[in-house]
Amino acid sequence: MSAPASQLDAIAGRIEALRNGSGGPVTALSDEARASAELLAALPPRYGEVLLNLLDRLESSALFSEESCSFSQKDLLDNLQAWADKARGRLNESSREN
């Protein structure tokens, strides 16, 4: 398995764990995603921009209770899952082209 795919699997696993309530701190997902240089390099630049934006909002939501924050953590995790699904599709397209 390639490094980008492995990094994406790790991110997707953290997203799923957070969605199930067993993922630990949000910062673990954020730190891992931000450090996934090979994955971000393998995707179009817009993917990195969207990921960083979602992570910033997720980190902000973690600082406040659900009621006092304008970002719903559940919605952000759903959006991160959608991002991971699209990123996986893009990686699969790239691997078929090579």
C-alpha atoms as a PDB file:
ATOM      1  CA  MET A   1       0.000   0.000   0.000  1.00  0.00           C
ATOM      2  CA  SER A   2       1.330   3.440  -0.870  1.00  0.00           C
ATOM      3  CA  ALA A   3       2.174   6.074   1.742  1.00  0.00           C
ATOM      4  CA  PRO A   4      -0.682   8.375   0.634  1.00  0.00           C
ATOM      5  CA  ALA A   5      -3.196   5.526   0.919  1.00  0.00           C
ATOM      6  CA  SER A   6      -1.832   4.520   4.334  1.00  0.00           C
ATOM      7  CA  GLN A   7      -2.061   8.098   5.558  1.00  0.00           C
ATOM      8  CA  LEU A   8      -5.622   8.378   4.262  1.00  0.00           C
ATOM      9  CA  ASP A   9      -6.543   5.103   6.015  1.00  0.00           C
ATOM     10  CA  ALA A  10      -5.153   6.470   9.290  1.00  0.00           C
ATOM     11  CA  ILE A  11      -7.124   9.717   8.940  1.00  0.00           C
ATOM     12  CA  ALA A  12     -10.312   7.872   8.001  1.00  0.00           C
ATOM     13  CA  GLY A  13      -9.859   5.596  11.013  1.00  0.00           C
ATOM     14  CA  ARG A  14      -9.526   8.571  13.353  1.00  0.00           C
ATOM     15  CA  ILE A  15     -12.598  10.219  11.827  1.00  0.00           C
ATOM     16  CA  GLU A  16     -14.623   7.047  12.337  1.00  0.00           C
ATOM     17  CA  ALA A  17     -13.389   6.672  15.911  1.00  0.00           C
ATOM     18  CA  LEU A  18     -14.366  10.264  16.715  1.00  0.00           C
ATOM     19  CA  ARG A  19     -17.783   9.717  15.138  1.00  0.00           C
ATOM     20  CA  ASN A  20     -18.233   6.677  17.407  1.00  0.00           C
ATOM     21  CA  GLY A  21     -17.087   8.588  20.486  1.00  0.00           C
ATOM     22  CA  SER A  22     -13.889   6.620  20.973  1.00  0.00           C
ATOM     23  CA  GLY A  23     -11.402   8.690  19.013  1.00  0.00           C
ATOM     24  CA  GLY A  24      -9.687  10.582  21.776  1.00  0.00           C
ATOM     25  CA  PRO A  25      -8.930  14.259  21.378  1.00  0.00           C
ATOM     26  CA  VAL A  26      -9.739  16.095  18.165  1.00  0.00           C
ATOM     27  CA  THR A  27      -6.145  17.314  18.113  1.00  0.00           C
ATOM     28  CA  ALA A  28      -4.921  13.764  17.411  1.00  0.00           C
ATOM     29  CA  LEU A  29      -6.888  13.722  14.147  1.00  0.00           C
ATOM     30  CA  SER A  30      -5.825  17.244  13.310  1.00  0.00           C
ATOM     31  CA  ASP A  31      -2.141  16.601  14.001  1.00  0.00           C
ATOM     32  CA  GLU A  32      -2.139  13.383  11.983  1.00  0.00           C
ATOM     33  CA  ALA A  33      -3.964  14.950   9.038  1.00  0.00           C
ATOM     34  CA  ARG A  34      -1.714  18.024   8.985  1.00  0.00           C
ATOM     35  CA  ALA A  35       1.380  15.782   9.031  1.00  0.00           C
ATOM     36  CA  SER A  36       0.196  13.690   6.068  1.00  0.00           C
ATOM     37  CA  ALA A  37       2.525  15.330   3.573  1.00  0.00           C
ATOM     38  CA  GLU A  38       2.582  12.453   1.072  1.00  0.00           C
ATOM     39  CA  LEU A  39      -1.209  12.281   0.986  1.00  0.00           C
ATOM     40  CA  LEU A  40      -1.623  16.021   0.502  1.00  0.00           C
ATOM     41  CA  ALA A  41       1.070  16.035  -2.203  1.00  0.00           C
ATOM     42  CA  ALA A  42      -0.728  13.232  -4.062  1.00  0.00           C
ATOM     43  CA  LEU A  43      -4.019  15.173  -4.177  1.00  0.00           C
ATOM     44  CA  PRO A  44      -4.893  18.373  -6.032  1.00  0.00           C
ATOM     45  CA  PRO A  45      -4.124  21.507  -3.955  1.00  0.00           C
ATOM     46  CA  ARG A  46      -7.811  22.203  -3.342  1.00  0.00           C
ATOM     47  CA  TYR A  47      -8.081  19.015  -1.255  1.00  0.00           C
ATOM     48  CA  GLY A  48      -5.470  20.340   1.157  1.00  0.00           C
ATOM     49  CA  GLU A  49      -7.224  23.699   1.416  1.00  0.00           C
ATOM     50  CA  VAL A  50     -10.567  22.062   2.198  1.00  0.00           C
ATOM     51  CA  LEU A  51      -9.016  19.666   4.708  1.00  0.00           C
ATOM     52  CA  LEU A  52      -7.235  22.451   6.589  1.00  0.00           C
ATOM     53  CA  ASN A  53     -10.409  24.541   6.669  1.00  0.00           C
ATOM     54  CA  LEU A  54     -12.414  21.628   8.089  1.00  0.00           C
ATOM     55  CA  LEU A  55      -9.712  20.870  10.648  1.00  0.00           C
ATOM     56  CA  ASP A  56      -9.611  24.512  11.784  1.00  0.00           C
ATOM     57  CA  ARG A  57     -13.366  24.477  12.320  1.00  0.00           C
ATOM     58  CA  LEU A  58     -13.238  21.099  14.075  1.00  0.00           C
ATOM     59  CA  GLU A  59     -10.546  22.363  16.456  1.00  0.00           C
ATOM     60  CA  SER A  60     -12.649  25.453  17.175  1.00  0.00           C
ATOM     61  CA  SER A  61     -15.704  23.325  17.881  1.00  0.00           C
ATOM     62  CA  ALA A  62     -13.709  21.248  20.368  1.00  0.00           C
ATOM     63  CA  LEU A  63     -12.931  24.358  22.416  1.00  0.00           C
ATOM     64  CA  PHE A  64     -16.587  25.078  23.132  1.00  0.00           C
ATOM     65  CA  SER A  65     -19.626  23.164  24.179  1.00  0.00           C
ATOM     66  CA  GLU A  66     -21.843  22.077  21.287  1.00  0.00           C
ATOM     67  CA  GLU A  67     -24.448  24.727  22.130  1.00  0.00           C
ATOM     68  CA  SER A  68     -22.075  27.703  22.169  1.00  0.00           C
ATOM     69  CA  CYS A  69     -20.215  26.961  18.965  1.00  0.00           C
ATOM     70  CA  SER A  70     -21.450  27.754  15.501  1.00  0.00           C
ATOM     71  CA  PHE A  71     -19.760  24.603  14.157  1.00  0.00           C
ATOM     72  CA  SER A  72     -21.432  21.275  14.799  1.00  0.00           C
ATOM     73  CA  GLN A  73     -18.774  18.677  15.531  1.00  0.00           C
ATOM     74  CA  LYS A  74     -21.002  15.934  14.105  1.00  0.00           C
ATOM     75  CA  ASP A  75     -21.491  17.871  10.849  1.00  0.00           C
ATOM     76  CA  LEU A  76     -17.776  18.587  10.614  1.00  0.00           C
ATOM     77  CA  LEU A  77     -16.934  14.908  11.110  1.00  0.00           C
ATOM     78  CA  ASP A  78     -19.499  14.042   8.422  1.00  0.00           C
ATOM     79  CA  ASN A  79     -17.818  16.557   6.113  1.00  0.00           C
ATOM     80  CA  LEU A  80     -14.388  15.127   6.922  1.00  0.00           C
ATOM     81  CA  GLN A  81     -15.709  11.651   6.108  1.00  0.00           C
ATOM     82  CA  ALA A  82     -16.990  12.953   2.764  1.00  0.00           C
ATOM     83  CA  TRP A  83     -13.582  14.548   2.158  1.00  0.00           C
ATOM     84  CA  ALA A  84     -11.847  11.226   2.913  1.00  0.00           C
ATOM     85  CA  ASP A  85     -14.191   9.359   0.562  1.00  0.00           C
ATOM     86  CA  LYS A  86     -13.519  11.829  -2.266  1.00  0.00           C
ATOM     87  CA  ALA A  87      -9.777  11.763  -1.570  1.00  0.00           C
ATOM     88  CA  ARG A  88      -9.825   7.950  -1.752  1.00  0.00           C
ATOM     89  CA  GLY A  89     -11.630   8.126  -5.092  1.00  0.00           C
ATOM     90  CA  ARG A  90      -9.068  10.599  -6.377  1.00  0.00           C
ATOM     91  CA  LEU A  91      -6.154   8.422  -5.227  1.00  0.00           C
ATOM     92  CA  ASN A  92      -7.739   5.397  -6.908  1.00  0.00           C
ATOM     93  CA  GLU A  93      -8.144   7.364 -10.155  1.00  0.00           C
ATOM     94  CA  SER A  94      -4.501   8.414 -10.007  1.00  0.00           C
ATOM     95  CA  SER A  95      -3.274   4.880  -9.373  1.00  0.00           C
ATOM     96  CA  ARG A  96      -5.269   3.550 -12.356  1.00  0.00           C
ATOM     97  CA  GLU A  97      -3.778   6.247 -14.606  1.00  0.00           C
ATOM     98  CA  ASN A  98      -0.218   5.277 -13.675  1.00  0.00           C
END
